C-alpha atoms as a PDB file:
ATOM      1  CA  MET A   1       7.809 -11.700 -14.443  1.00  0.00           C
ATOM      2  CA  SER A   2       5.866 -10.991 -11.960  1.00  0.00           C
ATOM      3  CA  ASP A   3       2.531 -10.209 -11.139  1.00  0.00           C
ATOM      4  CA  THR A   4       3.250  -7.576  -9.242  1.00  0.00           C
ATOM      5  CA  VAL A   5       1.639  -4.371 -11.189  1.00  0.00           C
ATOM      6  CA  GLY A   6       3.814  -1.317  -9.037  1.00  0.00           C
ATOM      7  CA  PHE A   7       4.316   0.057  -5.530  1.00  0.00           C
ATOM      8  CA  VAL A   8       3.844   1.912  -2.106  1.00  0.00           C
ATOM      9  CA  VAL A   9       5.805   3.818  -0.591  1.00  0.00           C
ATOM     10  CA  VAL A  10       4.781   5.228   2.800  1.00  0.00           C
ATOM     11  CA  TYR A  11       7.004   8.005   5.053  1.00  0.00           C
ATOM     12  CA  ASN A  12       6.866   7.900   8.690  1.00  0.00           C
ATOM     13  CA  LYS A  13       6.463  12.361   9.966  1.00  0.00           C
ATOM     14  CA  PRO A  14      10.359  12.842  10.060  1.00  0.00           C
ATOM     15  CA  ASP A  15      12.297  14.896  12.570  1.00  0.00           C
ATOM     16  CA  ASP A  16      12.818  17.979   9.937  1.00  0.00           C
ATOM     17  CA  THR A  17       9.457  18.018   8.610  1.00  0.00           C
ATOM     18  CA  GLU A  18      10.904  21.090   5.813  1.00  0.00           C
ATOM     19  CA  LYS A  19      13.940  19.504   4.747  1.00  0.00           C
ATOM     20  CA  PHE A  20      11.788  16.162   4.512  1.00  0.00           C
ATOM     21  CA  ASP A  21       9.671  18.147   1.928  1.00  0.00           C
ATOM     22  CA  THR A  22      12.014  19.598   0.053  1.00  0.00           C
ATOM     23  CA  ARG A  23      15.180  16.029  -0.147  1.00  0.00           C
ATOM     24  CA  TYR A  24      11.510  14.758  -0.898  1.00  0.00           C
ATOM     25  CA  GLN A  25      10.977  17.235  -4.056  1.00  0.00           C
ATOM     26  CA  GLU A  26      14.814  16.801  -5.425  1.00  0.00           C
ATOM     27  CA  HIS A  27      13.998  12.418  -5.130  1.00  0.00           C
ATOM     28  CA  LEU A  28      11.035  13.180  -6.036  1.00  0.00           C
ATOM     29  CA  SER A  29      12.672  14.675  -9.873  1.00  0.00           C
ATOM     30  CA  LEU A  30      15.511  12.101 -10.149  1.00  0.00           C
ATOM     31  CA  PHE A  31      12.383   9.286 -10.066  1.00  0.00           C
ATOM     32  CA  ASN A  32      10.843  10.447 -12.692  1.00  0.00           C
ATOM     33  CA  ARG A  33      13.197  11.546 -14.914  1.00  0.00           C
ATOM     34  CA  THR A  34      14.460   7.446 -14.504  1.00  0.00           C
ATOM     35  CA  PHE A  35      11.273   5.892 -14.714  1.00  0.00           C
ATOM     36  CA  GLY A  36       8.594   8.504 -15.503  1.00  0.00           C
ATOM     37  CA  ASP A  37       5.879  10.179 -14.190  1.00  0.00           C
ATOM     38  CA  ILE A  38       3.749   7.939 -12.312  1.00  0.00           C
ATOM     39  CA  VAL A  39       3.780   8.754  -9.493  1.00  0.00           C
ATOM     40  CA  GLU A  40       1.200  10.253  -7.271  1.00  0.00           C
ATOM     41  CA  ASN A  41       1.387  11.480  -3.852  1.00  0.00           C
ATOM     42  CA  THR A  42      -0.990  12.434  -0.737  1.00  0.00           C
ATOM     43  CA  ARG A  43      -0.034  14.098   2.896  1.00  0.00           C
ATOM     44  CA  ILE A  44      -0.997  12.781   5.659  1.00  0.00           C
ATOM     45  CA  LEU A  45      -2.154   9.595   5.731  1.00  0.00           C
ATOM     46  CA  LYS A  46      -3.452   7.824   8.910  1.00  0.00           C
ATOM     47  CA  LEU A  47      -3.762   3.372   8.357  1.00  0.00           C
ATOM     48  CA  ASP A  48      -4.821   1.900  11.482  1.00  0.00           C
ATOM     49  CA  ASP A  49      -3.481   3.105  14.225  1.00  0.00           C
ATOM     50  CA  GLU A  50      -0.454   4.641  12.150  1.00  0.00           C
ATOM     51  CA  THR A  51       0.069   8.031  11.056  1.00  0.00           C
ATOM     52  CA  PHE A  52       2.249   8.765   7.333  1.00  0.00           C
ATOM     53  CA  TYR A  53       3.588  11.619   6.830  1.00  0.00           C
ATOM     54  CA  GLN A  54       4.075  11.391   3.059  1.00  0.00           C
ATOM     55  CA  PHE A  55       1.819   7.482   0.910  1.00  0.00           C
ATOM     56  CA  SER A  56       3.394   7.647  -2.700  1.00  0.00           C
ATOM     57  CA  ILE A  57       1.415   4.989  -5.293  1.00  0.00           C
ATOM     58  CA  VAL A  58       4.023   3.613  -8.469  1.00  0.00           C
ATOM     59  CA  GLU A  59       1.697   1.609 -10.975  1.00  0.00           C
ATOM     60  CA  PHE A  60       4.471   0.808 -13.284  1.00  0.00           C
ATOM     61  CA  LYS A  61       2.630   0.313 -17.147  1.00  0.00           C
ATOM     62  CA  PRO A  62       0.967  -3.572 -18.255  1.00  0.00           C
ATOM     63  CA  GLY A  63       4.032  -5.550 -18.972  1.00  0.00           C
ATOM     64  CA  THR A  64       6.327  -4.138 -16.795  1.00  0.00           C
ATOM     65  CA  ASP A  65       8.993  -6.928 -15.459  1.00  0.00           C
ATOM     66  CA  PHE A  66       8.616  -5.697 -11.996  1.00  0.00           C
ATOM     67  CA  ASP A  67      11.567  -7.429 -11.079  1.00  0.00           C
ATOM     68  CA  ALA A  68      13.987  -6.404 -13.692  1.00  0.00           C
ATOM     69  CA  VAL A  69      13.056  -2.946 -12.646  1.00  0.00           C
ATOM     70  CA  MET A  70      13.199  -3.009  -9.176  1.00  0.00           C
ATOM     71  CA  ASN A  71      16.462  -4.756  -9.766  1.00  0.00           C
ATOM     72  CA  SER A  72      17.637  -2.826 -11.724  1.00  0.00           C
ATOM     73  CA  SER A  73      20.502   0.034 -11.830  1.00  0.00           C
ATOM     74  CA  GLU A  74      18.336   2.852 -12.239  1.00  0.00           C
ATOM     75  CA  MET A  75      15.871   1.639  -9.329  1.00  0.00           C
ATOM     76  CA  LYS A  76      18.992   0.742  -6.617  1.00  0.00           C
ATOM     77  CA  ALA A  77      20.273   5.044  -6.842  1.00  0.00           C
ATOM     78  CA  VAL A  78      16.934   5.595  -6.866  1.00  0.00           C
ATOM     79  CA  ILE A  79      16.349   3.547  -3.491  1.00  0.00           C
ATOM     80  CA  GLY A  80      19.701   5.127  -2.434  1.00  0.00           C
ATOM     81  CA  ASP A  81      18.543   8.166  -2.908  1.00  0.00           C
ATOM     82  CA  VAL A  82      15.871   7.939  -0.234  1.00  0.00           C
ATOM     83  CA  LEU A  83      18.170   6.265   2.007  1.00  0.00           C
ATOM     84  CA  THR A  84      20.051   9.436   1.985  1.00  0.00           C
ATOM     85  CA  PHE A  85      17.547  11.072   3.341  1.00  0.00           C
ATOM     86  CA  VAL A  86      15.091   8.660   5.476  1.00  0.00           C
ATOM     87  CA  PRO A  87      16.092   6.018   7.625  1.00  0.00           C
ATOM     88  CA  GLU A  88      15.329   3.098   6.316  1.00  0.00           C
ATOM     89  CA  ASP A  89      13.226   2.097   9.496  1.00  0.00           C
ATOM     90  CA  LYS A  90      10.498   4.997   8.642  1.00  0.00           C
ATOM     91  CA  VAL A  91      10.463   4.460   4.777  1.00  0.00           C
ATOM     92  CA  LYS A  92       7.952   1.226   4.044  1.00  0.00           C
ATOM     93  CA  LEU A  93       7.571  -0.397   0.320  1.00  0.00           C
ATOM     94  CA  LEU A  94       4.881  -2.504   0.046  1.00  0.00           C
ATOM     95  CA  PRO A  95       4.148  -4.065  -3.492  1.00  0.00           C
ATOM     96  CA  ILE A  96       1.085  -4.103  -5.221  1.00  0.00           C
ATOM     97  CA  THR A  97       0.242  -7.382  -6.777  1.00  0.00           C
ATOM     98  CA  GLU A  98      -3.684  -7.290  -7.930  1.00  0.00           C
ATOM     99  CA  THR A  99      -5.718  -4.139  -9.003  1.00  0.00           C
ATOM    100  CA  ILE A 100      -8.925  -4.073  -9.879  1.00  0.00           C
ATOM    101  CA  PRO A 101     -10.486  -1.393 -11.611  1.00  0.00           C
ATOM    102  CA  CYS A 102     -13.232   1.003 -10.635  1.00  0.00           C
ATOM    103  CA  SER A 103     -16.058   1.696 -12.197  1.00  0.00           C
ATOM    104  CA  GLN A 104     -16.931   5.257 -13.019  1.00  0.00           C
END
């Protein structure tokens, strides 16, 4: 089992933001039906010199076998769905390998 606990997805600004917004909401519904409501979303994020249009954080429950989830037919369908409305070079998936609890 991998130490990965989730992933971050960043989307570059699409040519047609209205179409992206509509398809992204449909995609998010598919993801939530498949894996549960485990996505946090932020709109427009600037990291270093690069600006992204959509930023999503997916964090799985402790003990989830990340490799098994990412290689599942369900995840392949979800990723395939993304690629129907976002070119592969306009989206990045970054694994989260460690989290540190924030003190409140």
